[in-house]
Protein backbone atom coordinates (compact mmCIF):
# COMPACT_ATOMS: atom_id res chain seq x y z
CA MET A 1 82.13 100.21 59.77
CA ASP A 2 78.79 98.96 60.99
CA VAL A 3 77.76 97.32 64.25
CA ALA A 4 74.44 95.57 64.83
CA THR A 5 72.99 93.31 67.52
CA SER A 6 70.95 90.24 66.64
CA LEU A 7 67.55 90.29 68.27
CA LEU A 8 67.47 86.48 68.03
CA ASN A 9 70.58 85.55 70.02
CA GLY A 10 72.30 88.74 71.17
CA THR A 11 75.39 88.30 69.01
CA VAL A 12 76.95 91.45 67.66
CA ARG A 13 77.88 91.85 64.01
CA LEU A 14 80.88 94.02 63.30
CA SER A 15 81.19 94.78 59.59
CA VAL A 16 84.62 96.11 58.80
CA LEU A 17 84.13 96.04 55.05
CA TRP A 18 80.98 95.37 53.10
CA THR A 19 82.11 91.81 52.42
CA GLN A 20 83.50 90.87 55.85
CA GLU A 21 81.50 90.24 58.98
CA ILE A 22 82.50 89.14 62.46
CA TYR A 23 79.94 87.66 64.85
CA LEU A 24 80.61 87.89 68.59
CA HIS A 25 78.85 86.84 71.77
CA PRO A 26 78.08 89.73 74.16
CA ASP A 27 81.02 88.98 76.52
CA ASP A 28 83.44 88.83 73.59
CA THR A 29 81.97 92.05 72.24
CA GLU A 30 82.71 93.78 75.54
CA ARG A 31 86.31 92.53 75.44
CA VAL A 32 86.70 93.85 71.88
CA ALA A 33 85.18 97.19 72.90
CA GLN A 34 87.61 97.51 75.82
CA SER A 35 90.51 96.65 73.53
CA LEU A 36 89.39 99.25 70.99
CA LEU A 37 89.11 101.88 73.73
CA ARG A 38 92.63 101.05 74.97
CA ALA A 39 93.95 101.23 71.40
CA ALA A 40 92.20 104.58 70.85
CA GLU A 41 93.72 106.02 74.03
CA HIS A 42 97.15 104.71 73.07
CA GLY A 43 96.73 106.24 69.62
CA ARG A 44 95.82 109.59 71.15
CA HIS A 45 98.96 109.51 73.30
CA ILE A 46 101.10 108.71 70.26
CA ALA A 47 99.47 111.51 68.26
CA GLU A 48 100.00 114.01 71.08
CA ALA A 49 103.64 112.95 71.52
CA SER A 50 104.34 113.38 67.81
CA LYS A 51 103.03 116.96 67.67
CA PRO A 52 105.89 119.43 67.28
CA GLU A 53 106.56 121.58 70.30
CA PRO A 54 106.01 125.33 69.84
CA ASP A 55 109.32 127.07 69.11
CA GLN A 56 110.20 128.99 72.28
CA THR A 57 113.50 130.37 70.94
CA THR A 58 112.05 132.97 68.56
CA SER A 59 110.46 136.22 69.66
CA PRO A 60 107.77 138.10 67.76
CA SER A 61 109.05 140.72 65.31
CA GLU A 62 108.57 144.31 66.38
C-alpha cells in the first residue's frame, strides 16, 4: 500500500495495488483515516477475544 499527497491540489492517492489508485480530497482522506483506525481497533478487539484463555485447571508437574 502506498499513500501520497499531490503538491498541486492536496488530493491524497491511496494505492491499494499497483494497478489501482484512489484519489481523495483532504476531508475525505480524514474520514477514511478515521474509518481505518476504527476498523483497526475493532480488529484488535476481535483478535484479543479469539485468543484462547490460559488453562487454569492444570497444575505444574512436580
